[in-house]
Structure formats: structure tokens, C-alpha cells
Amino acid sequence: MSFRLAAYAVCIEDGRVLLAHYSGRSGELQWTLPGGKVEHGEDPFDAVIREVAEETGCDGVVERLLGVDSRVIPADDRLPGLPEHQNVGVFYQVRITGGRLRPEPGGDIVESVWTPIPGVTHLRRSSLVDVGLALARSLPATGHVAPVPVGGLIQH
């Protein structure tokens, strides 16, 4: 099994959430939250701000920790030859303070867009989007929400 620790930004402003359009190895596009891998020795708090800047071109500040999500992606749901994968995501509420939205230079994010929250349900998206929005909406004392079922427009 492979493993990844990641940090994700939930940026909500005026009823909109900042989403990043991701083009992965399979070439399929899906929407996700700005964020990604925490580098070896890096604090997730610092990683989320770095990832927001790299992927969107914007500066941000962490306002609060929202919670943690852990999910296992079966090998059958990954590219052929890849093992089962566990992703542990640390979700932060992040406020954008400056910069200008742009594609990620040399990266997998082809655009970032402020999206009205009600419109998210109609997008092909990572389950991370639903987890982040659920954490921001409910602010659970435990920092944990129920797993998001994958299928249809919701992908791993």
C-alpha cells in the first residue's frame, strides 16, 4: 500500500469555494481543492499555504484547522499496476489575501475558479471537495465527518 499525507485549503468567500481543475496522469479532468502532498519534514500548516500559491497563484492565510480525513483507495480504482493507496488529508480554512488566479506553471492544475457552492454538486470532482465543504459547514468538534461515497460525479 502506498501512503500520502496531504494538506488542503477550503477557501470560501461570498458563497463561493475556490476549486482547482486537476488534470492527472489518466488525462481526465476533475475539480479538487487547492492542496497536495506535505513534503518530508514540512509542517502541514506551511504546506497548505505553499500549495495554494503554487496551484492558484494566490496568497493565503490559515484561519483555522477544520479536520482530518483518511481514506483508502482500492488498487482496482487506480491506474493499472498501482497498489492500494491511503491518503490522509489535513483540511484548513484558508482566506485568500492576494495574488491573481492562474494555471499552475508546469503542474497538474489547468485553472482555478471561484465556484458557487450550490453548483459544486454538478461538477466531476474529487471526494476531497465534499469532505472539505462538510467540515467547513459543520465545524465538528472531532474534526471528522462521515466518509463521502464515491461514484458518479464524485471520484477518488
C-alpha atoms as a PDB file:
ATOM      1  CA  MET A   1       0.000   0.000   0.000  1.00  0.00           C
ATOM      2  CA  SER A   2       1.241   3.487  -0.787  1.00  0.00           C
ATOM      3  CA  PHE A   3       0.692   6.386   1.613  1.00  0.00           C
ATOM      4  CA  ARG A   4       0.462  10.166   1.304  1.00  0.00           C
ATOM      5  CA  LEU A   5      -0.005  12.957   3.841  1.00  0.00           C
ATOM      6  CA  ALA A   6      -1.601  15.996   2.222  1.00  0.00           C
ATOM      7  CA  ALA A   7      -2.898  19.423   3.250  1.00  0.00           C
ATOM      8  CA  TYR A   8      -5.966  21.013   1.611  1.00  0.00           C
ATOM      9  CA  ALA A   9      -7.355  24.560   1.602  1.00  0.00           C
ATOM     10  CA  VAL A  10     -11.066  25.227   1.920  1.00  0.00           C
ATOM     11  CA  CYS A  11     -11.382  28.819   0.707  1.00  0.00           C
ATOM     12  CA  ILE A  12     -14.942  30.129   0.945  1.00  0.00           C
ATOM     13  CA  GLU A  13     -15.911  33.682   0.097  1.00  0.00           C
ATOM     14  CA  ASP A  14     -19.332  35.183  -0.666  1.00  0.00           C
ATOM     15  CA  GLY A  15     -20.993  31.771  -1.043  1.00  0.00           C
ATOM     16  CA  ARG A  16     -18.286  30.514  -3.402  1.00  0.00           C
ATOM     17  CA  VAL A  17     -15.498  27.979  -2.936  1.00  0.00           C
ATOM     18  CA  LEU A  18     -12.127  28.093  -4.679  1.00  0.00           C
ATOM     19  CA  LEU A  19     -11.688  24.954  -6.780  1.00  0.00           C
ATOM     20  CA  ALA A  20      -8.706  23.780  -8.807  1.00  0.00           C
ATOM     21  CA  HIS A  21      -9.202  21.926 -12.119  1.00  0.00           C
ATOM     22  CA  TYR A  22      -6.844  18.953 -11.955  1.00  0.00           C
ATOM     23  CA  SER A  23      -5.526  17.010 -14.960  1.00  0.00           C
ATOM     24  CA  GLY A  24      -3.924  13.831 -13.666  1.00  0.00           C
ATOM     25  CA  ARG A  25      -1.919  11.019 -15.239  1.00  0.00           C
ATOM     26  CA  SER A  26      -5.010   9.462 -16.793  1.00  0.00           C
ATOM     27  CA  GLY A  27      -5.760  12.750 -18.588  1.00  0.00           C
ATOM     28  CA  GLU A  28      -9.241  13.048 -17.090  1.00  0.00           C
ATOM     29  CA  LEU A  29     -10.131  16.425 -15.609  1.00  0.00           C
ATOM     30  CA  GLN A  30     -11.764  16.775 -12.212  1.00  0.00           C
ATOM     31  CA  TRP A  31     -12.229  19.584  -9.720  1.00  0.00           C
ATOM     32  CA  THR A  32     -10.478  19.457  -6.374  1.00  0.00           C
ATOM     33  CA  LEU A  33      -9.425  21.706  -3.520  1.00  0.00           C
ATOM     34  CA  PRO A  34      -6.107  23.538  -3.712  1.00  0.00           C
ATOM     35  CA  GLY A  35      -3.576  21.485  -1.814  1.00  0.00           C
ATOM     36  CA  GLY A  36      -1.383  18.462  -2.003  1.00  0.00           C
ATOM     37  CA  LYS A  37       1.492  16.472  -0.638  1.00  0.00           C
ATOM     38  CA  VAL A  38       3.223  17.511   2.567  1.00  0.00           C
ATOM     39  CA  GLU A  39       6.943  17.269   1.808  1.00  0.00           C
ATOM     40  CA  HIS A  40       9.294  15.338   4.120  1.00  0.00           C
ATOM     41  CA  GLY A  41       9.939  17.470   7.215  1.00  0.00           C
ATOM     42  CA  GLU A  42       7.322  20.073   6.231  1.00  0.00           C
ATOM     43  CA  ASP A  43       4.544  21.192   8.586  1.00  0.00           C
ATOM     44  CA  PRO A  44       1.057  20.685   7.030  1.00  0.00           C
ATOM     45  CA  PHE A  45       0.224  24.264   8.124  1.00  0.00           C
ATOM     46  CA  ASP A  46       3.028  25.560   5.885  1.00  0.00           C
ATOM     47  CA  ALA A  47       2.318  23.044   3.121  1.00  0.00           C
ATOM     48  CA  VAL A  48      -1.253  24.227   2.573  1.00  0.00           C
ATOM     49  CA  ILE A  49      -0.144  27.842   2.027  1.00  0.00           C
ATOM     50  CA  ARG A  50       2.677  26.718  -0.297  1.00  0.00           C
ATOM     51  CA  GLU A  51       0.255  24.537  -2.287  1.00  0.00           C
ATOM     52  CA  VAL A  52      -2.310  27.355  -2.629  1.00  0.00           C
ATOM     53  CA  ALA A  53       0.397  29.659  -4.002  1.00  0.00           C
ATOM     54  CA  GLU A  54       1.823  27.030  -6.378  1.00  0.00           C
ATOM     55  CA  GLU A  55      -1.505  25.817  -7.737  1.00  0.00           C
ATOM     56  CA  THR A  56      -3.569  29.020  -7.884  1.00  0.00           C
ATOM     57  CA  GLY A  57      -1.152  31.975  -7.897  1.00  0.00           C
ATOM     58  CA  CYS A  58      -2.812  33.360  -4.763  1.00  0.00           C
ATOM     59  CA  ASP A  59      -1.509  34.155  -1.298  1.00  0.00           C
ATOM     60  CA  GLY A  60      -3.470  32.945   1.687  1.00  0.00           C
ATOM     61  CA  VAL A  61      -3.528  32.694   5.452  1.00  0.00           C
ATOM     62  CA  VAL A  62      -4.768  29.801   7.553  1.00  0.00           C
ATOM     63  CA  GLU A  63      -7.734  30.822   9.686  1.00  0.00           C
ATOM     64  CA  ARG A  64      -8.417  27.503  11.391  1.00  0.00           C
ATOM     65  CA  LEU A  65      -7.930  23.776  11.278  1.00  0.00           C
ATOM     66  CA  LEU A  66     -11.130  22.138  10.005  1.00  0.00           C
ATOM     67  CA  GLY A  67     -10.306  18.470  10.396  1.00  0.00           C
ATOM     68  CA  VAL A  68      -8.582  15.343   9.124  1.00  0.00           C
ATOM     69  CA  ASP A  69      -9.794  12.747   6.634  1.00  0.00           C
ATOM     70  CA  SER A  70      -8.283   9.329   5.967  1.00  0.00           C
ATOM     71  CA  ARG A  71      -9.344   7.169   3.057  1.00  0.00           C
ATOM     72  CA  VAL A  72      -8.080   4.044   1.333  1.00  0.00           C
ATOM     73  CA  ILE A  73      -8.335   3.896  -2.449  1.00  0.00           C
ATOM     74  CA  PRO A  74      -8.529   0.287  -3.679  1.00  0.00           C
ATOM     75  CA  ALA A  75      -5.997  -0.805  -6.294  1.00  0.00           C
ATOM     76  CA  ASP A  76      -8.896  -1.524  -8.697  1.00  0.00           C
ATOM     77  CA  ASP A  77      -9.789   2.193  -8.647  1.00  0.00           C
ATOM     78  CA  ARG A  78      -6.247   3.285  -9.583  1.00  0.00           C
ATOM     79  CA  LEU A  79      -4.183   3.078 -12.743  1.00  0.00           C
ATOM     80  CA  PRO A  80      -3.157  -0.487 -13.650  1.00  0.00           C
ATOM     81  CA  GLY A  81      -0.199  -1.736 -11.624  1.00  0.00           C
ATOM     82  CA  LEU A  82      -0.602   0.748  -8.776  1.00  0.00           C
ATOM     83  CA  PRO A  83      -1.182  -0.620  -5.267  1.00  0.00           C
ATOM     84  CA  GLU A  84      -3.928   0.240  -2.807  1.00  0.00           C
ATOM     85  CA  HIS A  85      -3.350   3.793  -1.513  1.00  0.00           C
ATOM     86  CA  GLN A  86      -4.058   5.572   1.764  1.00  0.00           C
ATOM     87  CA  ASN A  87      -4.431   9.356   1.687  1.00  0.00           C
ATOM     88  CA  VAL A  88      -4.530  11.289   4.966  1.00  0.00           C
ATOM     89  CA  GLY A  89      -5.705  14.844   4.365  1.00  0.00           C
ATOM     90  CA  VAL A  90      -5.468  17.751   6.786  1.00  0.00           C
ATOM     91  CA  PHE A  91      -8.102  20.370   5.925  1.00  0.00           C
ATOM     92  CA  TYR A  92      -7.686  24.060   6.749  1.00  0.00           C
ATOM     93  CA  GLN A  93      -9.962  27.059   6.341  1.00  0.00           C
ATOM     94  CA  VAL A  94      -7.836  29.457   4.298  1.00  0.00           C
ATOM     95  CA  ARG A  95      -8.551  33.094   3.443  1.00  0.00           C
ATOM     96  CA  ILE A  96      -7.129  34.399   0.165  1.00  0.00           C
ATOM     97  CA  THR A  97      -5.245  37.654   0.769  1.00  0.00           C
ATOM     98  CA  GLY A  98      -3.811  38.499  -2.642  1.00  0.00           C
ATOM     99  CA  GLY A  99      -2.440  37.331  -5.941  1.00  0.00           C
ATOM    100  CA  ARG A 100      -4.205  36.508  -9.182  1.00  0.00           C
ATOM    101  CA  LEU A 101      -5.717  33.182 -10.259  1.00  0.00           C
ATOM    102  CA  ARG A 102      -3.658  31.396 -12.915  1.00  0.00           C
ATOM    103  CA  PRO A 103      -2.863  27.842 -14.047  1.00  0.00           C
ATOM    104  CA  GLU A 104      -0.099  26.012 -12.161  1.00  0.00           C
ATOM    105  CA  PRO A 105       3.146  26.541 -14.103  1.00  0.00           C
ATOM    106  CA  GLY A 106       4.384  23.107 -15.189  1.00  0.00           C
ATOM    107  CA  GLY A 107       1.869  21.396 -12.925  1.00  0.00           C
ATOM    108  CA  ASP A 108      -1.394  19.476 -12.983  1.00  0.00           C
ATOM    109  CA  ILE A 109      -3.765  22.380 -12.229  1.00  0.00           C
ATOM    110  CA  VAL A 110      -5.034  23.848 -15.501  1.00  0.00           C
ATOM    111  CA  GLU A 111      -7.206  26.543 -13.874  1.00  0.00           C
ATOM    112  CA  SER A 112      -8.612  27.664 -10.537  1.00  0.00           C
ATOM    113  CA  VAL A 113     -12.099  29.154 -10.254  1.00  0.00           C
ATOM    114  CA  TRP A 114     -14.365  30.624  -7.593  1.00  0.00           C
ATOM    115  CA  THR A 115     -17.429  28.383  -7.851  1.00  0.00           C
ATOM    116  CA  PRO A 116     -20.861  28.985  -6.286  1.00  0.00           C
ATOM    117  CA  ILE A 117     -21.234  26.300  -3.603  1.00  0.00           C
ATOM    118  CA  PRO A 118     -24.647  25.059  -4.865  1.00  0.00           C
ATOM    119  CA  GLY A 119     -23.088  24.444  -8.310  1.00  0.00           C
ATOM    120  CA  VAL A 120     -20.455  22.061  -6.935  1.00  0.00           C
ATOM    121  CA  THR A 121     -22.893  19.127  -6.959  1.00  0.00           C
ATOM    122  CA  HIS A 122     -22.991  19.287 -10.788  1.00  0.00           C
ATOM    123  CA  LEU A 123     -19.198  19.022 -11.229  1.00  0.00           C
ATOM    124  CA  ARG A 124     -16.961  15.978 -11.749  1.00  0.00           C
ATOM    125  CA  ARG A 125     -14.921  16.312  -8.589  1.00  0.00           C
ATOM    126  CA  SER A 126     -12.700  14.678  -6.035  1.00  0.00           C
ATOM    127  CA  SER A 127     -14.396  13.455  -2.877  1.00  0.00           C
ATOM    128  CA  LEU A 128     -11.986  15.838  -1.115  1.00  0.00           C
ATOM    129  CA  VAL A 129     -14.230  18.736  -2.193  1.00  0.00           C
ATOM    130  CA  ASP A 130     -17.238  17.232  -0.424  1.00  0.00           C
ATOM    131  CA  VAL A 131     -15.209  16.399   2.684  1.00  0.00           C
ATOM    132  CA  GLY A 132     -13.818  19.950   2.858  1.00  0.00           C
ATOM    133  CA  LEU A 133     -17.232  21.558   2.399  1.00  0.00           C
ATOM    134  CA  ALA A 134     -18.785  19.255   5.017  1.00  0.00           C
ATOM    135  CA  LEU A 135     -16.052  20.168   7.506  1.00  0.00           C
ATOM    136  CA  ALA A 136     -16.473  23.905   6.803  1.00  0.00           C
ATOM    137  CA  ARG A 137     -20.265  23.690   7.093  1.00  0.00           C
ATOM    138  CA  SER A 138     -20.472  21.638  10.298  1.00  0.00           C
ATOM    139  CA  LEU A 139     -17.199  22.507  12.104  1.00  0.00           C
ATOM    140  CA  PRO A 140     -17.332  19.208  14.020  1.00  0.00           C
ATOM    141  CA  ALA A 141     -15.611  19.238  17.400  1.00  0.00           C
ATOM    142  CA  THR A 142     -13.989  15.925  16.471  1.00  0.00           C
ATOM    143  CA  GLY A 143     -12.609  17.281  13.180  1.00  0.00           C
ATOM    144  CA  HIS A 144     -14.131  14.306  11.405  1.00  0.00           C
ATOM    145  CA  VAL A 145     -17.080  13.846   9.041  1.00  0.00           C
ATOM    146  CA  ALA A 146     -18.620  10.695   7.597  1.00  0.00           C
ATOM    147  CA  PRO A 147     -16.904   9.196   4.538  1.00  0.00           C
ATOM    148  CA  VAL A 148     -18.093  10.516   1.179  1.00  0.00           C
ATOM    149  CA  PRO A 149     -19.371   7.767  -1.135  1.00  0.00           C
ATOM    150  CA  VAL A 150     -17.514   7.645  -4.441  1.00  0.00           C
ATOM    151  CA  GLY A 151     -19.317   7.189  -7.739  1.00  0.00           C
ATOM    152  CA  GLY A 152     -20.977   9.218 -10.480  1.00  0.00           C
ATOM    153  CA  LEU A 153     -19.525  12.724 -10.445  1.00  0.00           C
ATOM    154  CA  ILE A 154     -17.584  12.075  -7.192  1.00  0.00           C
ATOM    155  CA  GLN A 155     -14.193  10.446  -7.750  1.00  0.00           C
ATOM    156  CA  HIS A 156     -11.240   9.454  -5.552  1.00  0.00           C
END
